[in-house]
Protein backbone atom coordinates (compact mmCIF):
# COMPACT_ATOMS: atom_id res chain seq x y z
CA UNK A 1 0.00 0.00 0.00
CA UNK A 2 2.76 2.44 0.85
CA UNK A 3 4.43 1.93 -2.51
CA UNK A 4 1.25 2.82 -4.37
CA UNK A 5 0.95 6.06 -2.40
CA UNK A 6 4.60 6.85 -3.00
CA UNK A 7 4.20 6.06 -6.70
CA UNK A 8 1.28 8.48 -6.91
CA UNK A 9 3.38 11.26 -5.35
CA UNK A 10 6.21 10.70 -7.83
CA UNK A 11 3.72 10.75 -10.72
CA UNK A 12 2.23 14.03 -9.50
CA UNK A 13 5.71 15.58 -9.21
CA UNK A 14 6.68 14.43 -12.72
CA UNK A 15 3.43 15.73 -14.24
CA UNK A 16 3.84 19.06 -12.42
CA UNK A 17 7.43 19.38 -13.69
CA UNK A 18 6.36 18.68 -17.29
CA UNK A 19 3.50 21.17 -16.98
CA UNK A 20 5.91 23.80 -15.65
CA UNK A 21 8.32 23.24 -18.56
CA UNK A 22 5.47 23.54 -21.07
CA UNK A 23 4.26 26.72 -19.37
CA UNK A 24 7.74 28.28 -19.51
CA UNK A 25 8.06 27.42 -23.21
CA UNK A 26 4.64 28.90 -23.97
CA UNK A 27 5.47 32.09 -22.07
CA UNK A 28 8.78 32.38 -23.95
CA UNK A 29 7.02 31.96 -27.29
CA UNK A 30 4.25 34.39 -26.32
CA UNK A 31 6.63 37.09 -25.10
CA UNK A 32 8.75 36.63 -28.21
CA UNK A 33 5.71 37.22 -30.39
CA UNK A 34 4.74 40.24 -28.33
CA UNK A 35 8.24 41.63 -28.81
CA UNK A 36 8.00 41.18 -32.58
CA UNK A 37 4.54 42.78 -32.56
CA UNK A 38 5.91 45.78 -30.64
CA UNK A 39 8.72 46.20 -33.20
CA UNK A 40 6.17 46.09 -36.04
CA UNK A 41 3.98 48.70 -34.36
CA UNK A 42 6.92 51.03 -33.79
CA UNK A 43 7.91 50.72 -37.48
CA UNK A 44 4.38 51.63 -38.57
CA UNK A 45 4.30 54.59 -36.18
CA UNK A 46 7.62 55.92 -37.51
CA UNK A 47 6.36 55.65 -41.12
CA UNK A 48 3.29 57.83 -40.49
């Protein structure tokens, strides 16, 4: 019984770590796109 409980804890930790990695990657992609969008907006503003 104890092993099953311990196994569940390890599974939860692994899933949480994977979710955290995915979240960090998504934030990096999103902020990168926002940075590119900001550059595009500043170019348009300077042209007008």
